Amino acid sequence: MLVASDRRDQGPIPVGGLVMGILVDCQWAGGVLTVAVAGEVDFVTVDRVEAAVTTALSGNPRPERLIFDLAGVTFLDCFAIGRLLRCRRHAVEAGTRFAVRNPRGIVAQVLSLAGVLALLSDTGERRSGSELP
């Protein structure tokens, strides 16, 4: 089983590795947790992505910033978009800044067409979870 590395004495975050065509890898650097996702994120696989966030936000200390790196994501459905918004809301409620980075191709287009790309691509200002579309 893959675990997040470099979490120091905070303990590892189990993320499970490649299962059902999706890879979720968590990396700590300072107070930033980067969740790198590769593969297709849809109604079948999105629980694995959300589990990494839930685990990170329930830890002590919590990350100051949570970044989803979507560079390796080749497909994202509307169910996954809803879960990303829910992950963002949970992070904001926990006092953690949340941002999606590196959406490419069709993934960037889908997020843009759904009207959530700017919201998920944190500009550095804190927003309340209630500002979700």
Protein backbone atom coordinates (compact mmCIF):
# COMPACT_ATOMS: atom_id res chain seq x y z
CA MET A 1 0.00 0.00 0.00
CA LEU A 2 1.25 3.46 -0.87
CA VAL A 3 1.44 6.00 1.88
CA ALA A 4 2.08 9.69 1.83
CA SER A 5 5.72 10.46 2.32
CA ASP A 6 7.59 13.14 4.25
CA ARG A 7 4.87 13.77 6.79
CA ARG A 8 7.50 13.71 9.49
CA ASP A 9 6.16 12.71 12.89
CA GLN A 10 2.55 13.30 11.83
CA GLY A 11 2.32 9.74 10.49
CA PRO A 12 1.55 8.49 6.99
CA ILE A 13 -1.66 8.95 5.07
CA PRO A 14 -2.66 5.66 3.45
CA VAL A 15 -3.84 6.28 -0.08
CA GLY A 16 -3.84 2.80 -1.55
CA GLY A 17 -1.93 3.24 -4.80
CA LEU A 18 -3.31 2.21 -8.17
CA VAL A 19 -6.79 0.73 -7.86
CA MET A 20 -9.59 0.74 -10.45
CA GLY A 21 -7.50 2.76 -12.90
CA ILE A 22 -6.77 5.68 -10.58
CA LEU A 23 -3.64 6.59 -8.67
CA VAL A 24 -3.77 8.90 -5.65
CA ASP A 25 -0.45 9.99 -4.19
CA CYS A 26 -0.05 12.40 -1.26
CA GLN A 27 3.12 14.39 -0.60
CA TRP A 28 3.81 16.71 2.33
CA ALA A 29 6.12 19.73 2.06
CA GLY A 30 6.01 22.05 5.02
CA GLY A 31 2.36 22.75 5.77
CA VAL A 32 1.27 21.89 2.23
CA LEU A 33 -0.29 18.58 1.27
CA THR A 34 -0.32 17.88 -2.47
CA VAL A 35 -2.73 15.19 -3.61
CA ALA A 36 -1.61 14.10 -7.08
CA VAL A 37 -4.27 12.19 -8.97
CA ALA A 38 -3.79 10.22 -12.20
CA GLY A 39 -6.33 8.36 -14.30
CA GLU A 40 -10.08 8.74 -14.69
CA VAL A 41 -11.98 10.40 -11.84
CA ASP A 42 -15.63 9.43 -12.00
CA PHE A 43 -18.43 8.01 -9.86
CA VAL A 44 -16.52 4.72 -9.52
CA THR A 45 -13.16 6.16 -8.42
CA VAL A 46 -13.93 9.48 -6.73
CA ASP A 47 -14.30 7.94 -3.25
CA ARG A 48 -10.57 7.22 -3.23
CA VAL A 49 -9.81 10.87 -3.94
CA GLU A 50 -12.17 12.10 -1.24
CA ALA A 51 -10.74 9.59 1.27
CA ALA A 52 -7.29 11.18 0.94
CA VAL A 53 -8.77 14.60 1.77
CA THR A 54 -10.85 13.32 4.66
CA THR A 55 -7.82 11.59 6.17
CA ALA A 56 -5.63 14.67 5.79
CA LEU A 57 -8.19 17.02 7.30
CA SER A 58 -8.83 14.77 10.29
CA GLY A 59 -5.12 14.67 11.17
CA ASN A 60 -3.34 16.79 13.71
CA PRO A 61 -1.92 19.13 12.64
CA ARG A 62 -4.00 19.76 9.56
CA PRO A 63 -2.34 21.02 6.41
CA GLU A 64 -2.32 24.80 5.98
CA ARG A 65 -2.87 24.28 2.26
CA LEU A 66 -4.29 21.37 0.28
CA ILE A 67 -3.45 21.21 -3.42
CA PHE A 68 -5.02 18.80 -5.90
CA ASP A 69 -2.64 18.21 -8.79
CA LEU A 70 -4.78 17.07 -11.71
CA ALA A 71 -1.97 16.91 -14.30
CA GLY A 72 -2.41 13.15 -14.63
CA VAL A 73 -6.20 13.14 -14.79
CA THR A 74 -7.51 12.11 -18.20
CA PHE A 75 -11.26 12.24 -17.47
CA LEU A 76 -13.46 13.98 -14.93
CA ASP A 77 -17.25 13.58 -14.76
CA CYS A 78 -19.89 15.76 -13.10
CA PHE A 79 -19.99 13.48 -10.06
CA ALA A 80 -16.26 14.09 -9.54
CA ILE A 81 -16.76 17.85 -9.88
CA GLY A 82 -19.33 17.72 -7.09
CA ARG A 83 -16.91 15.82 -4.89
CA LEU A 84 -14.10 18.28 -5.59
CA LEU A 85 -16.43 21.07 -4.47
CA ARG A 86 -17.31 19.11 -1.34
CA CYS A 87 -13.60 18.51 -0.62
CA ARG A 88 -13.00 22.23 -1.02
CA ARG A 89 -15.84 23.03 1.37
CA HIS A 90 -14.48 20.61 4.00
CA ALA A 91 -11.00 22.10 3.66
CA VAL A 92 -12.24 25.67 4.02
CA GLU A 93 -14.35 24.70 7.05
CA ALA A 94 -11.21 23.15 8.59
CA GLY A 95 -9.23 26.35 8.00
CA THR A 96 -7.19 24.85 5.17
CA ARG A 97 -6.70 26.65 1.86
CA PHE A 98 -7.68 24.49 -1.11
CA ALA A 99 -6.64 24.68 -4.74
CA VAL A 100 -6.76 22.58 -7.88
CA ARG A 101 -3.66 22.80 -10.03
CA ASN A 102 -2.65 21.67 -13.50
CA PRO A 103 -5.95 20.59 -15.06
CA ARG A 104 -5.19 19.82 -18.68
CA GLY A 105 -7.11 19.31 -21.90
CA ILE A 106 -10.64 18.01 -21.48
CA VAL A 107 -10.39 18.19 -17.68
CA ALA A 108 -9.71 21.94 -17.78
CA GLN A 109 -12.49 22.40 -20.34
CA VAL A 110 -15.02 20.49 -18.22
CA LEU A 111 -14.14 22.49 -15.08
CA SER A 112 -14.41 25.71 -17.06
CA LEU A 113 -17.72 24.80 -18.68
CA ALA A 114 -19.10 23.82 -15.28
CA GLY A 115 -18.17 27.29 -14.04
CA VAL A 116 -15.97 26.05 -11.18
CA LEU A 117 -12.42 26.37 -12.53
CA ALA A 118 -11.83 29.81 -10.97
CA LEU A 119 -13.35 28.76 -7.64
CA LEU A 120 -11.27 25.60 -7.44
CA SER A 121 -8.10 27.40 -8.59
CA ASP A 122 -7.56 29.34 -5.37
CA THR A 123 -6.29 32.85 -6.03
CA GLY A 124 -4.81 33.17 -2.57
CA GLU A 125 -7.78 34.72 -0.82
CA ARG A 126 -9.82 32.80 1.71
CA ARG A 127 -13.40 32.18 0.74
CA SER A 128 -16.13 30.72 2.84
CA GLY A 129 -17.50 27.27 2.03
CA SER A 130 -20.91 28.86 1.53
CA GLU A 131 -19.74 30.53 -1.69
CA LEU A 132 -20.00 27.32 -3.64
CA PRO A 133 -21.93 27.56 -6.91
